[in-house]
Amino acid sequence: MKALFVVLLALGFSIQTFSQPQTGSGVTPEMRTQANTYFQAGEWDKASAAYEKIVEKEGANFGAHYRLGMSHLGLNKNEQAAEHIEKAFTGAPNAVFALALARAYARLDNKAKAFDAIYRSTTMGGIAPESLTGEKDFAAWLNDAGFKELVHKSDLATNPCKARPEFRQFDFWIGEWDAKNVQGVTVASSSIQLILGQCIIFENWNTPTNSGKSFNVFNATDGKWHQSWVDDKGTFTHYIGGLVDGRMVLTAETVRAGTKMLAKMTFSKLPNGDVRQFGENSTDDGKTWTTAFDFNYSRKK
């Protein structure tokens, strides 16, 4: 149940979305509270009896059908479970109901329908791969080629950044680094991490005198890379750019001492695996540039 609840939160809704009272149905608030209490306590026999009364009066209460089906699963009444979860899924298609339906069909040895439910979930946000591979009802399929393909499709659905090669363009900057100046002196430590479903490259910059962080992401809407930089001096800078001849070039418009300025950073992957971060400034709209910094990122030993 915990895994289902986590997926539910990820999809941005709760079962209550599909469990709203229907005016004049005859279902009282007390009946709903009692049914939910039994369900949350895992008292499946009492929960199934309570939800049965609700769905008799509210046939379109898809949340109640889902919970009735899950209660039947808890009692190993798998045919009844499939019947009610199918009603829930048909009336309110979502990945949570799809996972429950696949479980019911798996217990009925109906591989085709189980796989179909999982496949349909991939168009609805997907099911977390670990929820599929960790589900005991699917244990017999862990080495099944078809199941592995569904897990892969679900992975891409729940983590869409994995499916877009553009999101991987800046991966050469990921790592644990010592940043050195042109004299070869280490001036900073930088930890560049891939986070949030492999969508965000997260920079953690530290020196003896200042520290800062940035979020770097490919924006699929405008087709450009964006970096939002903040530091412990209250600085905020937003850079925009993308790959130019294999180098990541990001530019920001800033105002310093009342003067409009362009700030540009160019990240280049070097042959030995190091990364060069070259900073330049311009006060004439990019006609001329002056060097602001020149760092070489060397991987920590």
Protein backbone atom coordinates (compact mmCIF):
# COMPACT_ATOMS: atom_id res chain seq x y z
CA MET A 1 0.00 0.00 0.00
CA LYS A 2 2.88 2.40 0.75
CA ALA A 3 4.21 2.07 -2.80
CA LEU A 4 0.78 2.84 -4.24
CA PHE A 5 0.43 5.90 -2.02
CA VAL A 6 3.82 7.24 -3.13
CA VAL A 7 2.84 6.86 -6.79
CA LEU A 8 -0.46 8.55 -6.05
CA LEU A 9 1.28 11.57 -4.56
CA ALA A 10 3.60 11.73 -7.56
CA LEU A 11 0.59 11.92 -9.86
CA GLY A 12 -0.77 14.83 -7.85
CA PHE A 13 -4.07 13.47 -6.62
CA SER A 14 -5.57 11.27 -3.94
CA ILE A 15 -8.18 8.56 -3.94
CA GLN A 16 -10.55 11.13 -2.45
CA THR A 17 -10.58 12.79 -5.89
CA PHE A 18 -12.72 9.87 -7.05
CA SER A 19 -14.67 9.44 -3.80
CA GLN A 20 -16.78 12.57 -3.62
CA PRO A 21 -20.23 12.17 -2.08
CA GLN A 22 -23.06 11.90 -4.58
CA THR A 23 -25.99 14.03 -3.56
CA GLY A 24 -28.99 11.99 -2.44
CA SER A 25 -27.19 8.66 -2.72
CA GLY A 26 -27.95 7.70 0.84
CA VAL A 27 -24.29 7.21 1.76
CA THR A 28 -23.60 9.02 5.02
CA PRO A 29 -20.31 10.63 6.10
CA GLU A 30 -20.17 8.04 8.87
CA MET A 31 -20.31 5.21 6.32
CA ARG A 32 -17.39 6.71 4.41
CA THR A 33 -15.34 7.30 7.54
CA GLN A 34 -15.93 3.77 8.77
CA ALA A 35 -15.01 2.24 5.40
CA ASN A 36 -11.83 4.33 5.18
CA THR A 37 -10.87 3.42 8.74
CA TYR A 38 -11.20 -0.29 8.03
CA PHE A 39 -9.23 0.10 4.80
CA GLN A 40 -6.35 2.01 6.38
CA ALA A 41 -6.17 -0.57 9.17
CA GLY A 42 -6.00 -3.43 6.67
CA GLU A 43 -9.19 -5.00 8.02
CA TRP A 44 -10.08 -6.28 4.58
CA ASP A 45 -13.22 -8.24 5.44
CA LYS A 46 -14.81 -5.25 7.18
CA ALA A 47 -13.53 -2.82 4.54
CA SER A 48 -14.95 -4.88 1.69
CA ALA A 49 -18.36 -5.08 3.38
CA ALA A 50 -18.35 -1.34 4.03
CA TYR A 51 -17.32 -0.35 0.50
CA GLU A 52 -19.80 -2.83 -0.99
CA LYS A 53 -22.59 -0.81 0.62
CA ILE A 54 -21.13 2.40 -0.83
CA VAL A 55 -20.76 1.20 -4.41
CA GLU A 56 -24.28 -0.26 -4.33
CA LYS A 57 -25.53 3.29 -3.79
CA GLU A 58 -22.83 5.12 -5.79
CA GLY A 59 -21.96 3.13 -8.87
CA ALA A 60 -19.78 5.95 -10.27
CA ASN A 61 -17.71 6.32 -7.11
CA PHE A 62 -14.51 5.04 -8.68
CA GLY A 63 -12.42 5.56 -5.56
CA ALA A 64 -14.80 3.29 -3.65
CA HIS A 65 -14.62 0.68 -6.42
CA TYR A 66 -10.83 0.83 -6.23
CA ARG A 67 -10.77 0.39 -2.47
CA LEU A 68 -13.32 -2.38 -2.64
CA GLY A 69 -11.14 -4.10 -5.23
CA MET A 70 -8.03 -3.66 -3.09
CA SER A 71 -9.90 -5.07 -0.11
CA HIS A 72 -10.79 -8.11 -2.19
CA LEU A 73 -7.12 -8.44 -3.11
CA GLY A 74 -6.33 -8.45 0.58
CA LEU A 75 -8.75 -11.34 0.96
CA ASN A 76 -7.39 -13.14 -2.14
CA LYS A 77 -10.77 -12.76 -3.83
CA ASN A 78 -9.03 -11.94 -7.05
CA GLU A 79 -11.90 -12.20 -9.53
CA GLN A 80 -13.98 -9.77 -7.49
CA ALA A 81 -10.92 -7.56 -7.14
CA ALA A 82 -10.38 -7.43 -10.90
CA GLU A 83 -14.05 -6.63 -11.49
CA HIS A 84 -14.11 -3.57 -9.24
CA ILE A 85 -10.64 -2.27 -10.07
CA GLU A 86 -11.52 -2.56 -13.77
CA LYS A 87 -14.56 -0.36 -13.12
CA ALA A 88 -12.38 2.13 -11.28
CA PHE A 89 -9.76 2.17 -14.03
CA THR A 90 -12.33 2.47 -16.83
CA GLY A 91 -14.09 5.35 -15.09
CA ALA A 92 -10.96 7.18 -13.94
CA PRO A 93 -7.87 5.99 -15.83
CA ASN A 94 -4.63 6.55 -13.93
CA ALA A 95 -1.41 4.71 -13.19
CA VAL A 96 -2.36 3.83 -9.61
CA PHE A 97 -5.49 1.98 -10.68
CA ALA A 98 -3.52 0.39 -13.55
CA LEU A 99 -1.00 -1.09 -11.13
CA ALA A 100 -3.75 -2.51 -8.94
CA LEU A 101 -5.51 -3.96 -11.97
CA ALA A 102 -2.29 -5.58 -13.20
CA ARG A 103 -1.84 -7.17 -9.77
CA ALA A 104 -5.33 -8.62 -9.85
CA TYR A 105 -4.83 -10.10 -13.33
CA ALA A 106 -1.41 -11.44 -12.35
CA ARG A 107 -3.05 -13.38 -9.54
CA LEU A 108 -5.56 -14.73 -12.04
CA ASP A 109 -2.67 -15.86 -14.29
CA ASN A 110 -3.91 -13.53 -17.01
CA LYS A 111 -0.57 -12.24 -18.22
CA ALA A 112 -1.97 -10.53 -21.31
CA LYS A 113 -4.40 -8.35 -19.38
CA ALA A 114 -1.84 -7.63 -16.67
CA PHE A 115 0.70 -6.49 -19.25
CA ASP A 116 -1.95 -4.42 -21.02
CA ALA A 117 -2.78 -2.57 -17.81
CA ILE A 118 0.89 -1.79 -17.21
CA TYR A 119 1.33 -0.70 -20.82
CA ARG A 120 -1.65 1.66 -20.62
CA SER A 121 -0.18 3.20 -17.48
CA THR A 122 2.81 4.41 -19.50
CA THR A 123 0.53 6.95 -21.21
CA MET A 124 -0.68 8.20 -17.81
CA GLY A 125 2.58 9.13 -16.13
CA GLY A 126 3.82 5.59 -15.68
CA ILE A 127 4.50 3.38 -12.68
CA ALA A 128 7.82 3.70 -10.89
CA PRO A 129 10.07 0.84 -12.07
CA GLU A 130 10.81 -0.20 -8.50
CA SER A 131 7.08 -0.57 -7.86
CA LEU A 132 6.93 -3.08 -10.71
CA THR A 133 10.10 -5.03 -9.96
CA GLY A 134 9.42 -5.00 -6.22
CA GLU A 135 5.82 -6.19 -6.48
CA LYS A 136 5.58 -9.82 -5.34
CA ASP A 137 2.60 -10.42 -7.64
CA PHE A 138 4.96 -9.87 -10.57
CA ALA A 139 7.89 -11.85 -9.18
CA ALA A 140 7.46 -14.68 -11.69
CA TRP A 141 8.01 -12.21 -14.56
CA LEU A 142 11.24 -10.59 -13.45
CA ASN A 143 13.20 -12.42 -16.17
CA ASP A 144 10.43 -12.16 -18.76
CA ALA A 145 11.53 -10.11 -21.79
CA GLY A 146 8.09 -8.54 -22.19
CA PHE A 147 7.97 -7.52 -18.55
CA LYS A 148 11.47 -6.04 -18.74
CA GLU A 149 10.38 -3.96 -21.72
CA LEU A 150 7.35 -2.69 -19.77
CA VAL A 151 9.61 -1.76 -16.85
CA HIS A 152 11.81 0.16 -19.30
CA LYS A 153 8.82 1.97 -20.80
CA SER A 154 7.57 2.81 -17.31
CA ASP A 155 10.99 4.13 -16.38
CA LEU A 156 10.92 6.51 -19.34
CA ALA A 157 7.34 7.54 -18.56
CA THR A 158 8.07 8.34 -14.91
CA ASN A 159 11.47 9.83 -15.72
CA PRO A 160 10.92 11.58 -19.06
CA CYS A 161 14.31 13.29 -19.02
CA LYS A 162 15.93 9.90 -19.65
CA ALA A 163 14.19 9.70 -23.00
CA ARG A 164 15.43 13.05 -24.31
CA PRO A 165 19.09 13.13 -25.47
CA GLU A 166 19.12 16.91 -25.01
CA PHE A 167 19.02 16.44 -21.25
CA ARG A 168 22.32 14.56 -21.45
CA GLN A 169 24.24 17.29 -23.30
CA PHE A 170 25.77 18.73 -20.13
CA ASP A 171 26.53 15.44 -18.37
CA PHE A 172 30.26 15.92 -18.99
CA TRP A 173 30.22 18.43 -16.11
CA ILE A 174 28.90 15.90 -13.58
CA GLY A 175 31.42 14.77 -10.97
CA GLU A 176 33.47 15.71 -7.94
CA TRP A 177 35.97 18.37 -8.90
CA ASP A 178 38.85 20.57 -7.80
CA ALA A 179 38.60 23.86 -9.67
CA LYS A 180 42.00 25.31 -10.48
CA ASN A 181 43.04 28.67 -11.87
CA VAL A 182 45.40 29.16 -14.81
CA GLN A 183 48.36 28.88 -12.43
CA GLY A 184 47.19 25.42 -11.41
CA VAL A 185 46.21 26.47 -7.90
CA THR A 186 43.04 24.91 -6.49
CA VAL A 187 40.64 27.76 -5.76
CA ALA A 188 37.39 25.87 -5.15
CA SER A 189 35.73 22.53 -4.65
CA SER A 190 32.72 21.75 -6.78
CA SER A 191 30.28 18.86 -6.58
CA ILE A 192 28.14 18.55 -9.71
CA GLN A 193 25.25 16.14 -9.23
CA LEU A 194 22.49 14.71 -11.40
CA ILE A 195 19.21 14.92 -9.49
CA LEU A 196 15.41 14.88 -9.82
CA GLY A 197 14.94 11.99 -12.20
CA GLN A 198 18.07 12.91 -14.16
CA CYS A 199 16.47 16.21 -15.18
CA ILE A 200 18.59 18.64 -13.18
CA ILE A 201 22.36 19.16 -12.99
CA PHE A 202 22.94 20.59 -9.53
CA GLU A 203 26.10 22.59 -8.87
CA ASN A 204 27.59 22.97 -5.38
CA TRP A 205 30.50 25.46 -5.43
CA ASN A 206 32.62 26.14 -2.34
CA THR A 207 35.67 28.29 -1.65
CA PRO A 208 37.15 29.53 1.63
CA THR A 209 35.34 32.85 1.13
CA ASN A 210 32.09 32.07 -0.65
CA SER A 211 29.77 29.33 -1.77
CA GLY A 212 27.02 29.04 -4.32
CA LYS A 213 24.67 26.66 -6.07
CA SER A 214 23.05 26.44 -9.45
CA PHE A 215 20.30 24.46 -11.11
CA ASN A 216 20.94 23.59 -14.74
CA VAL A 217 18.18 22.21 -16.94
CA PHE A 218 17.26 21.80 -20.57
CA ASN A 219 13.98 23.59 -21.16
CA ALA A 220 12.01 21.54 -23.68
CA THR A 221 9.68 24.50 -24.27
CA ASP A 222 12.28 26.85 -25.74
CA GLY A 223 14.92 24.24 -26.60
CA LYS A 224 17.59 25.99 -24.55
CA TRP A 225 19.65 25.29 -21.45
CA HIS A 226 19.03 27.44 -18.39
CA GLN A 227 21.18 27.95 -15.32
CA SER A 228 19.93 29.71 -12.19
CA TRP A 229 22.85 30.67 -9.94
CA VAL A 230 22.59 31.84 -6.32
CA ASP A 231 25.29 32.39 -3.71
CA ASP A 232 25.86 33.38 -0.10
CA LYS A 233 26.29 37.04 -1.08
CA GLY A 234 22.74 37.33 -2.33
CA THR A 235 23.64 37.09 -5.99
CA PHE A 236 21.13 35.72 -8.45
CA THR A 237 22.00 35.25 -12.12
CA HIS A 238 20.03 33.47 -14.81
CA TYR A 239 21.97 32.17 -17.79
CA ILE A 240 20.51 30.88 -21.06
CA GLY A 241 22.23 29.06 -23.90
CA GLY A 242 23.11 25.66 -25.28
CA LEU A 243 25.66 23.56 -27.11
CA VAL A 244 27.87 25.34 -29.62
CA ASP A 245 30.37 23.11 -31.40
CA GLY A 246 30.27 20.64 -28.52
CA ARG A 247 30.75 23.31 -25.85
CA MET A 248 28.07 24.50 -23.44
CA VAL A 249 27.76 28.28 -23.81
CA LEU A 250 25.54 30.14 -21.34
CA THR A 251 24.94 33.91 -21.31
CA ALA A 252 23.22 36.20 -18.82
CA GLU A 253 22.22 39.84 -18.82
CA THR A 254 23.16 41.56 -15.57
CA VAL A 255 23.47 45.07 -14.19
CA ARG A 256 26.53 45.96 -12.11
CA ALA A 257 27.13 49.40 -10.68
CA GLY A 258 24.33 50.69 -12.86
CA THR A 259 25.89 49.34 -16.05
CA LYS A 260 24.25 46.70 -18.21
CA MET A 261 26.62 43.81 -18.80
CA LEU A 262 26.61 40.45 -20.50
CA ALA A 263 28.21 37.55 -18.64
CA LYS A 264 29.13 34.46 -20.64
CA MET A 265 30.38 31.07 -19.50
CA THR A 266 31.78 28.45 -21.85
CA PHE A 267 32.18 24.87 -20.60
CA SER A 268 34.47 22.62 -22.66
CA LYS A 269 35.22 18.95 -22.12
CA LEU A 270 38.98 18.48 -22.43
CA PRO A 271 40.67 15.40 -23.95
CA ASN A 272 41.84 14.15 -20.52
CA GLY A 273 38.30 14.33 -19.08
CA ASP A 274 38.79 17.66 -17.31
CA VAL A 275 36.34 20.51 -17.91
CA ARG A 276 37.28 24.11 -18.64
CA GLN A 277 34.94 26.85 -17.44
CA PHE A 278 35.82 30.10 -19.14
CA GLY A 279 34.04 33.29 -18.06
CA GLU A 280 33.81 36.52 -20.03
CA ASN A 281 32.07 39.88 -19.63
CA SER A 282 30.92 42.42 -22.18
CA THR A 283 29.67 45.98 -21.68
CA ASP A 284 28.99 46.67 -25.37
CA ASP A 285 26.31 44.05 -26.11
CA GLY A 286 28.81 41.37 -27.01
CA LYS A 287 30.95 43.30 -29.47
CA THR A 288 34.00 42.81 -27.28
CA TRP A 289 34.69 40.52 -24.35
CA THR A 290 37.08 40.58 -21.39
CA THR A 291 38.12 37.54 -19.38
CA ALA A 292 36.43 37.24 -15.98
CA PHE A 293 37.81 33.84 -14.91
CA ASP A 294 39.34 30.69 -16.33
CA PHE A 295 38.96 27.50 -14.31
CA ASN A 296 40.04 23.95 -15.00
CA TYR A 297 37.92 21.29 -13.30
CA SER A 298 40.07 18.32 -12.37
CA ARG A 299 38.43 15.21 -10.96
CA LYS A 300 39.19 14.55 -7.34
CA LYS A 301 41.41 11.57 -6.69
